[in-house]
Each structure stands twice: as structure tokens, then as C-alpha cells.
């Protein structure tokens, strides 16, 4: 990374939202950021004011304190799932209290790019902003997660695609001018990748749950957990159908909804289901994979096939895990 190309003139174009309830900390960080050239830094002491700002515009970088409001983690998740703001791929740094593994885990699972332990020193904050501007981790999508890939390169191979998502912070740091219309097109392309990746994730989850259920029947260990797993299958299929509908795949939506109804019928007599019900479970994963093959063509060049070499930052270099974090 060439830090010199991130000069102060370019920093002046970057929109930053800073949510921090402590006035002294908030004003200190604001002064520090503006002093370093980040002139378009807006600060918020209340969550409702920040939400109002998001309804008008999405920043390039969100710096959010975990105690701004009890809904701080949900805000991050809503941004990532495109329920808040106009760009679900903004860079997000969250500041969490020390010795609070529960909040640390919530921040990571919400989809933050970076998590910093309080108290956060000005120098450390500036270093992390620059680092993640140019070394952003590719995103992954599961049935309930959208955010950076947290797996290390030493972990077992993953079947989940990685996505290179919109990074307006880097674009501005490199002097690129992007119109609102162009940004909307880029976000739309990335969201198509997200939806198609979610279908992939549904397939993986369906296979896993089906195997658990069939194993229980084969070993004659049918209990309430089997019933709960069948209901999970119904929920995953229904969600897959909704995702397919968003992608413009009505036939796949119909197939998913039909399979969901069949599994629902099995759940109603789960203690002694008919042979046709077990046959449906055995064929379900394969039927879903065949039905969604048409969605493969929807992936853009930003989607990295799981079997391909992963470009850019490696998980071992930049992955955040509780044991890696220390006080700034």
C-alpha cells in the first residue's frame, strides 16, 4: 500500500459519520479527524440523529461506538442487509468496551469491517482507517450474515464465494470521481451478487440440515430436534424462494415454496412420516441445486469462485478475532 497517494486533499472528499455519546471523546475524535484532512466528518450524540442522516445519504465510513444506543449492533446489520441507507457496503469501524467478549462477538457478527477496543488512541484510529481503505477484506454471504470473511487462510477450504464489494472510501482516496448514478449501478451489481450468494448458502444449509434429519431417521433417534430441524428446512426454503423472486427467478421461487410445503407436511407427522416424505428429503438438496443453476450466470466479475485463488488481503493478515484484539 502506498500511503502517500492518500493525501489530505483527497481526504477532504470523504464522508465520515462518527457516533459517540461521550462529548469529550466525540469532540476530540472530530478535531483529530478534521485536523488530518477529513473535513467532512459529522458527529452524532444520539442514534435518532444518525438515522435521520442515513435517510438522506450514506457515508463512506461509519465509526460507531457500541454505547451510542442499544440498537447500535442492529444498525450495522441493517446497513449490511440494505435495510438502512443507500449503500450497504460502506466501511464500518466499531468501538467496543474492553473485556466484553459478548459485544465484540456481536460487532463481528453484525458485519463490521473493523473492531477497536476502547479507549481508542487517535494515532491507532488513523492507522486503521488507512489500512482498511486499501486492504479491505472480501465479503461473504450466508443465510443471515453479510460482511467480511473471517476465516483464516489456514482454515479448511470454504465452499462460500467471496465478493469484492463497493468501496467508495478507496475510490475517493485514489481520486476517483463517482456519480450518484454510477454508485447506484455498482451497489445494484453487488447486491445481485449478494442475493445469488445467499442462494448458494441456502443450498449448503439445506444439505446440512437434511443430513441431520435423515441420519436421525436411519438411526431411529427421532425426537423433537428432528421436528425443529424440519421447521428450519421450511424456513430456509421459504427464504430461498423470496431471494429467488428478488433475483427475477419466479420458477425457482415456485419450486422452493412447493418444497417448503412438502417438508411442512412431513413435519406434521414427523414421528412416523410416509415413505414419500423421506424420499422428498433425500432428493431435496439435489432438486434445489438443479433448480438454481440458472442463477450462476448472474454473478459478476466481482464474485470469486471458492475454487479460485483469492486475490487481495488474506484472512491471516487482516481477520479480526477476539484473541487478536488489544487495547489501541
C-alpha atoms as a PDB file:
ATOM      1  CA  UNK A   1       0.000   0.000   0.000  1.00  0.00           C
ATOM      2  CA  UNK A   2       1.262   3.456  -0.912  1.00  0.00           C
ATOM      3  CA  UNK A   3       0.081   5.750   1.868  1.00  0.00           C
ATOM      4  CA  UNK A   4       1.344   8.831   0.017  1.00  0.00           C
ATOM      5  CA  UNK A   5      -1.467   8.545  -2.504  1.00  0.00           C
ATOM      6  CA  UNK A   6      -3.952   9.103   0.358  1.00  0.00           C
ATOM      7  CA  UNK A   7      -3.117  12.811   0.660  1.00  0.00           C
ATOM      8  CA  UNK A   8      -5.036  15.374   2.667  1.00  0.00           C
ATOM      9  CA  UNK A   9      -6.690  16.955  -0.366  1.00  0.00           C
ATOM     10  CA  UNK A  10      -8.374  13.654  -1.168  1.00  0.00           C
ATOM     11  CA  UNK A  11      -9.283  13.041   2.453  1.00  0.00           C
ATOM     12  CA  UNK A  12     -11.388  16.185   2.275  1.00  0.00           C
ATOM     13  CA  UNK A  13     -13.856  14.438  -0.063  1.00  0.00           C
ATOM     14  CA  UNK A  14     -14.510  11.534   2.296  1.00  0.00           C
ATOM     15  CA  UNK A  15     -17.804  11.488   4.195  1.00  0.00           C
ATOM     16  CA  UNK A  16     -17.479  10.157   7.741  1.00  0.00           C
ATOM     17  CA  UNK A  17     -20.223   9.614  10.311  1.00  0.00           C
ATOM     18  CA  UNK A  18     -18.982   9.359  13.892  1.00  0.00           C
ATOM     19  CA  UNK A  19     -21.426   8.146  16.545  1.00  0.00           C
ATOM     20  CA  UNK A  20     -20.127   8.608  20.085  1.00  0.00           C
ATOM     21  CA  UNK A  21     -22.241   9.553  23.175  1.00  0.00           C
ATOM     22  CA  UNK A  22     -19.336  10.855  25.262  1.00  0.00           C
ATOM     23  CA  UNK A  23     -18.951  14.561  24.392  1.00  0.00           C
ATOM     24  CA  UNK A  24     -15.273  14.775  25.299  1.00  0.00           C
ATOM     25  CA  UNK A  25     -14.351  11.699  23.259  1.00  0.00           C
ATOM     26  CA  UNK A  26     -16.603  12.733  20.374  1.00  0.00           C
ATOM     27  CA  UNK A  27     -15.179  16.241  20.062  1.00  0.00           C
ATOM     28  CA  UNK A  28     -11.616  15.008  20.493  1.00  0.00           C
ATOM     29  CA  UNK A  29     -12.008  12.486  17.659  1.00  0.00           C
ATOM     30  CA  UNK A  30     -13.779  15.023  15.477  1.00  0.00           C
ATOM     31  CA  UNK A  31     -10.935  17.521  15.939  1.00  0.00           C
ATOM     32  CA  UNK A  32      -8.361  14.809  15.249  1.00  0.00           C
ATOM     33  CA  UNK A  33     -10.071  13.637  12.052  1.00  0.00           C
ATOM     34  CA  UNK A  34     -10.595  17.144  10.727  1.00  0.00           C
ATOM     35  CA  UNK A  35      -7.020  18.035  11.619  1.00  0.00           C
ATOM     36  CA  UNK A  36      -5.860  15.128   9.450  1.00  0.00           C
ATOM     37  CA  UNK A  37      -7.850  16.398   6.481  1.00  0.00           C
ATOM     38  CA  UNK A  38     -11.148  14.532   6.972  1.00  0.00           C
ATOM     39  CA  UNK A  39     -13.127  17.765   6.816  1.00  0.00           C
ATOM     40  CA  UNK A  40     -16.491  16.108   6.039  1.00  0.00           C
ATOM     41  CA  UNK A  41     -16.757  14.414   9.433  1.00  0.00           C
ATOM     42  CA  UNK A  42     -20.213  14.596  11.018  1.00  0.00           C
ATOM     43  CA  UNK A  43     -20.647  13.678  14.660  1.00  0.00           C
ATOM     44  CA  UNK A  44     -23.715  12.290  16.408  1.00  0.00           C
ATOM     45  CA  UNK A  45     -24.506  12.052  20.106  1.00  0.00           C
ATOM     46  CA  UNK A  46     -27.905  10.405  19.543  1.00  0.00           C
ATOM     47  CA  UNK A  47     -28.914   7.421  17.433  1.00  0.00           C
ATOM     48  CA  UNK A  48     -32.051   9.128  16.101  1.00  0.00           C
ATOM     49  CA  UNK A  49     -29.961  11.939  14.606  1.00  0.00           C
ATOM     50  CA  UNK A  50     -27.683   9.445  12.907  1.00  0.00           C
ATOM     51  CA  UNK A  51     -30.634   7.528  11.479  1.00  0.00           C
ATOM     52  CA  UNK A  52     -32.033  10.760  10.071  1.00  0.00           C
ATOM     53  CA  UNK A  53     -28.694  11.425   8.382  1.00  0.00           C
ATOM     54  CA  UNK A  54     -28.667   7.923   6.874  1.00  0.00           C
ATOM     55  CA  UNK A  55     -32.087   8.566   5.354  1.00  0.00           C
ATOM     56  CA  UNK A  56     -30.512  11.410   3.380  1.00  0.00           C
ATOM     57  CA  UNK A  57     -27.124   9.967   2.495  1.00  0.00           C
ATOM     58  CA  UNK A  58     -24.766   7.091   3.290  1.00  0.00           C
ATOM     59  CA  UNK A  59     -21.200   7.974   4.345  1.00  0.00           C
ATOM     60  CA  UNK A  60     -18.021   6.363   3.043  1.00  0.00           C
ATOM     61  CA  UNK A  61     -17.017   5.409   6.588  1.00  0.00           C
ATOM     62  CA  UNK A  62     -19.056   4.862   9.742  1.00  0.00           C
ATOM     63  CA  UNK A  63     -17.246   4.980  13.090  1.00  0.00           C
ATOM     64  CA  UNK A  64     -19.696   3.775  15.712  1.00  0.00           C
ATOM     65  CA  UNK A  65     -19.432   3.392  19.466  1.00  0.00           C
ATOM     66  CA  UNK A  66     -21.189   0.369  20.922  1.00  0.00           C
ATOM     67  CA  UNK A  67     -22.841   2.524  23.604  1.00  0.00           C
ATOM     68  CA  UNK A  68     -24.349   5.145  21.300  1.00  0.00           C
ATOM     69  CA  UNK A  69     -27.586   3.193  21.691  1.00  0.00           C
ATOM     70  CA  UNK A  70     -28.646  -0.365  22.475  1.00  0.00           C
ATOM     71  CA  UNK A  71     -29.546  -0.744  18.777  1.00  0.00           C
ATOM     72  CA  UNK A  72     -26.002   0.044  17.568  1.00  0.00           C
ATOM     73  CA  UNK A  73     -25.302  -3.555  16.529  1.00  0.00           C
ATOM     74  CA  UNK A  74     -28.673  -3.843  14.798  1.00  0.00           C
ATOM     75  CA  UNK A  75     -27.894  -0.663  12.847  1.00  0.00           C
ATOM     76  CA  UNK A  76     -24.764  -2.275  11.437  1.00  0.00           C
ATOM     77  CA  UNK A  77     -26.718  -5.390  10.491  1.00  0.00           C
ATOM     78  CA  UNK A  78     -29.481  -3.303   8.905  1.00  0.00           C
ATOM     79  CA  UNK A  79     -26.903  -1.432   6.816  1.00  0.00           C
ATOM     80  CA  UNK A  80     -25.360  -4.669   5.590  1.00  0.00           C
ATOM     81  CA  UNK A  81     -28.772  -6.143   4.721  1.00  0.00           C
ATOM     82  CA  UNK A  82     -29.730  -2.981   2.816  1.00  0.00           C
ATOM     83  CA  UNK A  83     -32.455  -2.012   5.271  1.00  0.00           C
ATOM     84  CA  UNK A  84     -30.768   1.275   6.168  1.00  0.00           C
ATOM     85  CA  UNK A  85     -29.062   3.784   3.898  1.00  0.00           C
ATOM     86  CA  UNK A  86     -28.298   3.752   0.196  1.00  0.00           C
ATOM     87  CA  UNK A  87     -25.064   1.767   0.253  1.00  0.00           C
ATOM     88  CA  UNK A  88     -24.835  -1.450   2.308  1.00  0.00           C
ATOM     89  CA  UNK A  89     -21.101  -1.719   1.606  1.00  0.00           C
ATOM     90  CA  UNK A  90     -19.798   1.335   3.454  1.00  0.00           C
ATOM     91  CA  UNK A  91     -16.720   0.733   5.605  1.00  0.00           C
ATOM     92  CA  UNK A  92     -17.726   0.276   9.248  1.00  0.00           C
ATOM     93  CA  UNK A  93     -15.458   0.539  12.282  1.00  0.00           C
ATOM     94  CA  UNK A  94     -16.994  -0.214  15.656  1.00  0.00           C
ATOM     95  CA  UNK A  95     -15.520   0.756  19.015  1.00  0.00           C
ATOM     96  CA  UNK A  96     -16.392  -1.605  21.886  1.00  0.00           C
ATOM     97  CA  UNK A  97     -15.673  -1.586  25.584  1.00  0.00           C
ATOM     98  CA  UNK A  98     -12.750  -3.554  26.957  1.00  0.00           C
ATOM     99  CA  UNK A  99     -13.250  -7.018  28.464  1.00  0.00           C
ATOM    100  CA  UNK A 100     -16.619  -7.511  26.798  1.00  0.00           C
ATOM    101  CA  UNK A 101     -16.370 -10.555  24.548  1.00  0.00           C
ATOM    102  CA  UNK A 102     -20.143 -10.644  24.055  1.00  0.00           C
ATOM    103  CA  UNK A 103     -20.210  -7.192  22.469  1.00  0.00           C
ATOM    104  CA  UNK A 104     -17.086  -7.959  20.486  1.00  0.00           C
ATOM    105  CA  UNK A 105     -18.754 -11.026  19.029  1.00  0.00           C
ATOM    106  CA  UNK A 106     -21.936  -9.070  18.253  1.00  0.00           C
ATOM    107  CA  UNK A 107     -19.914  -6.431  16.388  1.00  0.00           C
ATOM    108  CA  UNK A 108     -18.161  -9.064  14.295  1.00  0.00           C
ATOM    109  CA  UNK A 109     -21.371 -10.975  13.527  1.00  0.00           C
ATOM    110  CA  UNK A 110     -23.143  -7.741  12.567  1.00  0.00           C
ATOM    111  CA  UNK A 111     -20.703  -7.313   9.664  1.00  0.00           C
ATOM    112  CA  UNK A 112     -18.205  -4.655  10.765  1.00  0.00           C
ATOM    113  CA  UNK A 113     -15.003  -4.260   8.766  1.00  0.00           C
ATOM    114  CA  UNK A 114     -13.000  -3.381  11.854  1.00  0.00           C
ATOM    115  CA  UNK A 115     -13.474  -3.555  15.617  1.00  0.00           C
ATOM    116  CA  UNK A 116     -11.403  -1.493  18.036  1.00  0.00           C
ATOM    117  CA  UNK A 117     -11.182  -1.843  21.805  1.00  0.00           C
ATOM    118  CA  UNK A 118     -11.716   1.293  23.868  1.00  0.00           C
ATOM    119  CA  UNK A 119     -10.019   3.549  24.717  1.00  0.00           C
ATOM    120  CA  UNK A 120      -9.053   4.221  21.101  1.00  0.00           C
ATOM    121  CA  UNK A 121      -5.976   6.379  20.567  1.00  0.00           C
ATOM    122  CA  UNK A 122      -6.075   8.929  17.710  1.00  0.00           C
ATOM    123  CA  UNK A 123      -2.979   7.502  16.060  1.00  0.00           C
ATOM    124  CA  UNK A 124      -4.359   3.970  16.075  1.00  0.00           C
ATOM    125  CA  UNK A 125      -7.676   5.120  14.609  1.00  0.00           C
ATOM    126  CA  UNK A 126      -5.924   6.933  11.742  1.00  0.00           C
ATOM    127  CA  UNK A 127      -3.706   3.929  11.007  1.00  0.00           C
ATOM    128  CA  UNK A 128      -6.694   1.573  10.881  1.00  0.00           C
ATOM    129  CA  UNK A 129      -8.682   3.866   8.589  1.00  0.00           C
ATOM    130  CA  UNK A 130      -5.811   3.929   6.096  1.00  0.00           C
ATOM    131  CA  UNK A 131      -5.181   0.198   6.419  1.00  0.00           C
ATOM    132  CA  UNK A 132      -8.755  -0.873   5.758  1.00  0.00           C
ATOM    133  CA  UNK A 133      -9.179   1.688   2.989  1.00  0.00           C
ATOM    134  CA  UNK A 134      -6.615  -0.146   0.880  1.00  0.00           C
ATOM    135  CA  UNK A 135      -6.755  -3.642   2.396  1.00  0.00           C
ATOM    136  CA  UNK A 136     -10.430  -4.365   2.721  1.00  0.00           C
ATOM    137  CA  UNK A 137     -11.410  -7.989   3.296  1.00  0.00           C
ATOM    138  CA  UNK A 138     -13.719  -9.547   0.643  1.00  0.00           C
ATOM    139  CA  UNK A 139     -17.295 -10.157   1.797  1.00  0.00           C
ATOM    140  CA  UNK A 140     -19.148 -13.419   2.165  1.00  0.00           C
ATOM    141  CA  UNK A 141     -22.867 -14.067   2.425  1.00  0.00           C
ATOM    142  CA  UNK A 142     -24.674 -16.734   4.426  1.00  0.00           C
ATOM    143  CA  UNK A 143     -28.348 -17.145   5.227  1.00  0.00           C
ATOM    144  CA  UNK A 144     -28.107 -14.480   7.944  1.00  0.00           C
ATOM    145  CA  UNK A 145     -24.722 -12.752   7.534  1.00  0.00           C
ATOM    146  CA  UNK A 146     -23.328 -10.202   5.093  1.00  0.00           C
ATOM    147  CA  UNK A 147     -19.857  -8.939   5.829  1.00  0.00           C
ATOM    148  CA  UNK A 148     -16.108  -9.588   5.742  1.00  0.00           C
ATOM    149  CA  UNK A 149     -14.797 -13.154   5.515  1.00  0.00           C
ATOM    150  CA  UNK A 150     -13.446 -14.027   8.958  1.00  0.00           C
ATOM    151  CA  UNK A 151     -11.840 -17.348   8.105  1.00  0.00           C
ATOM    152  CA  UNK A 152      -8.072 -17.569   8.154  1.00  0.00           C
ATOM    153  CA  UNK A 153      -6.168 -18.999   5.206  1.00  0.00           C
ATOM    154  CA  UNK A 154      -5.156 -21.906   7.453  1.00  0.00           C
ATOM    155  CA  UNK A 155      -8.775 -22.958   7.924  1.00  0.00           C
ATOM    156  CA  UNK A 156     -10.278 -25.759   5.864  1.00  0.00           C
ATOM    157  CA  UNK A 157     -11.358 -24.810   2.326  1.00  0.00           C
ATOM    158  CA  UNK A 158     -14.655 -22.969   2.090  1.00  0.00           C
ATOM    159  CA  UNK A 159     -17.449 -23.538  -0.419  1.00  0.00           C
ATOM    160  CA  UNK A 160     -18.647 -19.959   0.001  1.00  0.00           C
ATOM    161  CA  UNK A 161     -17.902 -17.384  -2.685  1.00  0.00           C
ATOM    162  CA  UNK A 162     -16.070 -14.219  -1.759  1.00  0.00           C
ATOM    163  CA  UNK A 163     -17.286 -10.882  -3.120  1.00  0.00           C
ATOM    164  CA  UNK A 164     -15.274  -7.771  -3.907  1.00  0.00           C
ATOM    165  CA  UNK A 165     -17.771  -5.080  -2.909  1.00  0.00           C
ATOM    166  CA  UNK A 166     -18.124  -1.353  -3.475  1.00  0.00           C
ATOM    167  CA  UNK A 167     -15.505   0.673  -1.600  1.00  0.00           C
ATOM    168  CA  UNK A 168     -16.221   4.392  -2.007  1.00  0.00           C
ATOM    169  CA  UNK A 169     -13.621   5.198   0.647  1.00  0.00           C
ATOM    170  CA  UNK A 170     -10.864   3.759  -1.528  1.00  0.00           C
ATOM    171  CA  UNK A 171     -12.293   5.325  -4.673  1.00  0.00           C
ATOM    172  CA  UNK A 172     -12.123   8.775  -3.126  1.00  0.00           C
ATOM    173  CA  UNK A 173      -8.696   8.113  -1.609  1.00  0.00           C
ATOM    174  CA  UNK A 174      -7.443   7.307  -5.114  1.00  0.00           C
ATOM    175  CA  UNK A 175      -9.004  10.435  -6.566  1.00  0.00           C
ATOM    176  CA  UNK A 176     -11.811   8.724  -8.467  1.00  0.00           C
ATOM    177  CA  UNK A 177     -14.998  10.680  -9.052  1.00  0.00           C
ATOM    178  CA  UNK A 178     -18.150   8.556  -8.963  1.00  0.00           C
ATOM    179  CA  UNK A 179     -21.565   9.984  -9.696  1.00  0.00           C
ATOM    180  CA  UNK A 180     -24.628   9.005  -7.685  1.00  0.00           C
ATOM    181  CA  UNK A 181     -25.951   7.113 -10.724  1.00  0.00           C
ATOM    182  CA  UNK A 182     -22.699   5.149 -11.093  1.00  0.00           C
ATOM    183  CA  UNK A 183     -22.660   4.328  -7.379  1.00  0.00           C
ATOM    184  CA  UNK A 184     -26.242   3.077  -7.625  1.00  0.00           C
ATOM    185  CA  UNK A 185     -25.248   0.809 -10.522  1.00  0.00           C
ATOM    186  CA  UNK A 186     -22.287  -0.566  -8.582  1.00  0.00           C
ATOM    187  CA  UNK A 187     -24.422  -1.195  -5.498  1.00  0.00           C
ATOM    188  CA  UNK A 188     -27.061  -2.922  -7.633  1.00  0.00           C
ATOM    189  CA  UNK A 189     -24.421  -5.216  -9.180  1.00  0.00           C
ATOM    190  CA  UNK A 190     -23.015  -6.100  -5.766  1.00  0.00           C
ATOM    191  CA  UNK A 191     -26.489  -6.708  -4.344  1.00  0.00           C
ATOM    192  CA  UNK A 192     -27.185  -9.168  -7.168  1.00  0.00           C
ATOM    193  CA  UNK A 193     -24.004 -10.993  -6.139  1.00  0.00           C
ATOM    194  CA  UNK A 194     -25.193 -10.924  -2.529  1.00  0.00           C
ATOM    195  CA  UNK A 195     -28.581 -12.426  -3.406  1.00  0.00           C
ATOM    196  CA  UNK A 196     -27.054 -15.107  -5.649  1.00  0.00           C
ATOM    197  CA  UNK A 197     -24.528 -15.928  -2.913  1.00  0.00           C
ATOM    198  CA  UNK A 198     -27.360 -16.202  -0.415  1.00  0.00           C
ATOM    199  CA  UNK A 199     -28.946 -18.854  -2.624  1.00  0.00           C
ATOM    200  CA  UNK A 200     -25.636 -20.737  -2.572  1.00  0.00           C
ATOM    201  CA  UNK A 201     -25.665 -20.522   1.215  1.00  0.00           C
ATOM    202  CA  UNK A 202     -29.234 -21.787   1.338  1.00  0.00           C
ATOM    203  CA  UNK A 203     -28.137 -24.839  -0.634  1.00  0.00           C
ATOM    204  CA  UNK A 204     -25.318 -25.568   1.816  1.00  0.00           C
ATOM    205  CA  UNK A 205     -27.633 -25.195   4.818  1.00  0.00           C
ATOM    206  CA  UNK A 206     -30.329 -27.361   3.245  1.00  0.00           C
ATOM    207  CA  UNK A 207     -27.800 -30.138   2.668  1.00  0.00           C
ATOM    208  CA  UNK A 208     -26.500 -29.947   6.232  1.00  0.00           C
ATOM    209  CA  UNK A 209     -29.951 -29.976   7.875  1.00  0.00           C
ATOM    210  CA  UNK A 210     -31.252 -32.734   5.573  1.00  0.00           C
ATOM    211  CA  UNK A 211     -28.309 -34.936   6.510  1.00  0.00           C
ATOM    212  CA  UNK A 212     -29.013 -34.437  10.219  1.00  0.00           C
ATOM    213  CA  UNK A 213     -32.682 -35.352   9.772  1.00  0.00           C
ATOM    214  CA  UNK A 214     -32.075 -38.410   7.601  1.00  0.00           C
ATOM    215  CA  UNK A 215     -29.379 -39.671   9.965  1.00  0.00           C
ATOM    216  CA  UNK A 216     -31.836 -39.438  12.865  1.00  0.00           C
ATOM    217  CA  UNK A 217     -34.423 -41.492  10.939  1.00  0.00           C
ATOM    218  CA  UNK A 218     -31.842 -44.089   9.866  1.00  0.00           C
ATOM    219  CA  UNK A 219     -30.626 -44.480  13.461  1.00  0.00           C
ATOM    220  CA  UNK A 220     -34.207 -44.416  14.783  1.00  0.00           C
ATOM    221  CA  UNK A 221     -33.415 -41.448  17.031  1.00  0.00           C
ATOM    222  CA  UNK A 222     -36.437 -39.364  16.136  1.00  0.00           C
ATOM    223  CA  UNK A 223     -37.138 -36.683  18.746  1.00  0.00           C
ATOM    224  CA  UNK A 224     -38.262 -33.068  18.990  1.00  0.00           C
ATOM    225  CA  UNK A 225     -34.961 -31.932  17.499  1.00  0.00           C
ATOM    226  CA  UNK A 226     -35.964 -33.634  14.249  1.00  0.00           C
ATOM    227  CA  UNK A 227     -39.206 -31.666  14.264  1.00  0.00           C
ATOM    228  CA  UNK A 228     -37.299 -28.416  14.896  1.00  0.00           C
ATOM    229  CA  UNK A 229     -34.893 -29.202  12.049  1.00  0.00           C
ATOM    230  CA  UNK A 230     -37.795 -29.841   9.692  1.00  0.00           C
ATOM    231  CA  UNK A 231     -39.211 -26.423  10.555  1.00  0.00           C
ATOM    232  CA  UNK A 232     -35.772 -24.914   9.899  1.00  0.00           C
ATOM    233  CA  UNK A 233     -35.862 -26.509   6.442  1.00  0.00           C
ATOM    234  CA  UNK A 234     -39.236 -24.916   5.783  1.00  0.00           C
ATOM    235  CA  UNK A 235     -37.904 -21.500   6.829  1.00  0.00           C
ATOM    236  CA  UNK A 236     -34.750 -21.815   4.686  1.00  0.00           C
ATOM    237  CA  UNK A 237     -36.755 -22.886   1.628  1.00  0.00           C
ATOM    238  CA  UNK A 238     -39.200 -20.015   2.052  1.00  0.00           C
ATOM    239  CA  UNK A 239     -36.353 -17.533   2.384  1.00  0.00           C
ATOM    240  CA  UNK A 240     -34.649 -19.053  -0.655  1.00  0.00           C
ATOM    241  CA  UNK A 241     -37.880 -18.548  -2.573  1.00  0.00           C
ATOM    242  CA  UNK A 242     -38.037 -14.886  -1.575  1.00  0.00           C
ATOM    243  CA  UNK A 243     -34.405 -14.443  -2.604  1.00  0.00           C
ATOM    244  CA  UNK A 244     -35.075 -16.092  -5.966  1.00  0.00           C
ATOM    245  CA  UNK A 245     -38.027 -13.769  -6.501  1.00  0.00           C
ATOM    246  CA  UNK A 246     -35.800 -10.729  -5.879  1.00  0.00           C
ATOM    247  CA  UNK A 247     -33.345 -12.114  -8.435  1.00  0.00           C
ATOM    248  CA  UNK A 248     -36.116 -12.383 -11.005  1.00  0.00           C
ATOM    249  CA  UNK A 249     -36.348 -16.185 -10.885  1.00  0.00           C
ATOM    250  CA  UNK A 250     -40.095 -16.880 -10.404  1.00  0.00           C
ATOM    251  CA  UNK A 251     -39.788 -20.563 -11.378  1.00  0.00           C
ATOM    252  CA  UNK A 252     -37.191 -21.159  -8.666  1.00  0.00           C
ATOM    253  CA  UNK A 253     -39.402 -19.326  -6.198  1.00  0.00           C
ATOM    254  CA  UNK A 254     -42.303 -21.664  -7.070  1.00  0.00           C
ATOM    255  CA  UNK A 255     -40.081 -24.737  -6.644  1.00  0.00           C
ATOM    256  CA  UNK A 256     -38.837 -23.541  -3.250  1.00  0.00           C
ATOM    257  CA  UNK A 257     -42.328 -22.783  -1.989  1.00  0.00           C
ATOM    258  CA  UNK A 258     -43.568 -26.180  -3.211  1.00  0.00           C
ATOM    259  CA  UNK A 259     -40.707 -27.984  -1.466  1.00  0.00           C
ATOM    260  CA  UNK A 260     -41.397 -25.982   1.690  1.00  0.00           C
ATOM    261  CA  UNK A 261     -45.000 -27.180   1.733  1.00  0.00           C
ATOM    262  CA  UNK A 262     -43.898 -30.797   1.263  1.00  0.00           C
ATOM    263  CA  UNK A 263     -41.428 -30.547   4.151  1.00  0.00           C
ATOM    264  CA  UNK A 264     -44.116 -28.890   6.257  1.00  0.00           C
ATOM    265  CA  UNK A 265     -46.341 -31.908   5.672  1.00  0.00           C
ATOM    266  CA  UNK A 266     -43.530 -34.209   6.795  1.00  0.00           C
ATOM    267  CA  UNK A 267     -43.141 -32.137   9.985  1.00  0.00           C
ATOM    268  CA  UNK A 268     -46.803 -32.678  10.855  1.00  0.00           C
ATOM    269  CA  UNK A 269     -46.237 -36.463  11.053  1.00  0.00           C
ATOM    270  CA  UNK A 270     -42.511 -36.397  11.831  1.00  0.00           C
ATOM    271  CA  UNK A 271     -42.641 -39.321  14.287  1.00  0.00           C
ATOM    272  CA  UNK A 272     -43.757 -41.693  11.527  1.00  0.00           C
ATOM    273  CA  UNK A 273     -43.643 -39.885   8.172  1.00  0.00           C
ATOM    274  CA  UNK A 274     -44.729 -41.626   4.941  1.00  0.00           C
ATOM    275  CA  UNK A 275     -42.027 -43.045   2.665  1.00  0.00           C
ATOM    276  CA  UNK A 276     -42.822 -40.319   0.153  1.00  0.00           C
ATOM    277  CA  UNK A 277     -41.872 -37.709   2.767  1.00  0.00           C
ATOM    278  CA  UNK A 278     -38.472 -39.285   3.428  1.00  0.00           C
ATOM    279  CA  UNK A 279     -37.942 -39.593  -0.319  1.00  0.00           C
ATOM    280  CA  UNK A 280     -38.546 -35.840  -0.631  1.00  0.00           C
ATOM    281  CA  UNK A 281     -35.897 -35.168   1.992  1.00  0.00           C
ATOM    282  CA  UNK A 282     -33.367 -37.391   0.210  1.00  0.00           C
ATOM    283  CA  UNK A 283     -33.914 -35.584  -3.085  1.00  0.00           C
ATOM    284  CA  UNK A 284     -34.426 -32.080  -1.729  1.00  0.00           C
ATOM    285  CA  UNK A 285     -30.872 -30.772  -1.824  1.00  0.00           C
ATOM    286  CA  UNK A 286     -30.240 -32.099  -5.318  1.00  0.00           C
ATOM    287  CA  UNK A 287     -33.534 -30.692  -6.574  1.00  0.00           C
ATOM    288  CA  UNK A 288     -32.690 -27.270  -5.166  1.00  0.00           C
ATOM    289  CA  UNK A 289     -29.191 -27.252  -6.681  1.00  0.00           C
ATOM    290  CA  UNK A 290     -30.530 -28.214 -10.107  1.00  0.00           C
ATOM    291  CA  UNK A 291     -33.280 -25.610  -9.921  1.00  0.00           C
ATOM    292  CA  UNK A 292     -30.917 -22.745  -9.067  1.00  0.00           C
ATOM    293  CA  UNK A 293     -28.332 -23.427 -11.776  1.00  0.00           C
ATOM    294  CA  UNK A 294     -29.742 -20.564 -13.830  1.00  0.00           C
ATOM    295  CA  UNK A 295     -28.669 -18.110 -11.122  1.00  0.00           C
ATOM    296  CA  UNK A 296     -24.980 -18.897 -11.722  1.00  0.00           C
ATOM    297  CA  UNK A 297     -24.941 -16.585 -14.721  1.00  0.00           C
ATOM    298  CA  UNK A 298     -25.959 -13.685 -12.511  1.00  0.00           C
ATOM    299  CA  UNK A 299     -22.637 -13.474 -10.667  1.00  0.00           C
ATOM    300  CA  UNK A 300     -20.489 -10.510 -11.719  1.00  0.00           C
ATOM    301  CA  UNK A 301     -16.717 -10.498 -12.165  1.00  0.00           C
ATOM    302  CA  UNK A 302     -16.501  -9.349  -8.526  1.00  0.00           C
ATOM    303  CA  UNK A 303     -17.586 -12.781  -7.271  1.00  0.00           C
ATOM    304  CA  UNK A 304     -14.642 -15.072  -6.525  1.00  0.00           C
ATOM    305  CA  UNK A 305     -15.309 -18.769  -7.104  1.00  0.00           C
ATOM    306  CA  UNK A 306     -14.456 -20.821  -3.989  1.00  0.00           C
ATOM    307  CA  UNK A 307     -12.016 -22.932  -6.003  1.00  0.00           C
ATOM    308  CA  UNK A 308     -10.150 -19.914  -7.354  1.00  0.00           C
ATOM    309  CA  UNK A 309      -7.111 -18.251  -5.833  1.00  0.00           C
ATOM    310  CA  UNK A 310      -8.263 -15.478  -3.568  1.00  0.00           C
ATOM    311  CA  UNK A 311      -6.901 -12.068  -4.562  1.00  0.00           C
ATOM    312  CA  UNK A 312      -6.222  -9.161  -2.239  1.00  0.00           C
ATOM    313  CA  UNK A 313      -5.789  -9.316   1.540  1.00  0.00           C
ATOM    314  CA  UNK A 314      -5.595 -12.749   3.103  1.00  0.00           C
ATOM    315  CA  UNK A 315      -7.591 -13.664   6.160  1.00  0.00           C
ATOM    316  CA  UNK A 316      -4.436 -14.477   8.099  1.00  0.00           C
ATOM    317  CA  UNK A 317      -3.279 -10.889   7.642  1.00  0.00           C
ATOM    318  CA  UNK A 318      -6.386  -8.923   8.484  1.00  0.00           C
ATOM    319  CA  UNK A 319      -9.003 -11.174  10.096  1.00  0.00           C
ATOM    320  CA  UNK A 320     -10.261  -9.872  13.423  1.00  0.00           C
ATOM    321  CA  UNK A 321     -10.871 -12.363  16.188  1.00  0.00           C
ATOM    322  CA  UNK A 322     -11.244 -11.757  19.937  1.00  0.00           C
ATOM    323  CA  UNK A 323      -7.774 -13.055  20.748  1.00  0.00           C
ATOM    324  CA  UNK A 324      -6.197 -10.757  18.156  1.00  0.00           C
ATOM    325  CA  UNK A 325      -7.575  -7.554  19.620  1.00  0.00           C
ATOM    326  CA  UNK A 326      -5.763  -5.470  22.139  1.00  0.00           C
ATOM    327  CA  UNK A 327      -6.307  -2.027  23.516  1.00  0.00           C
ATOM    328  CA  UNK A 328      -5.483   0.657  20.957  1.00  0.00           C
END
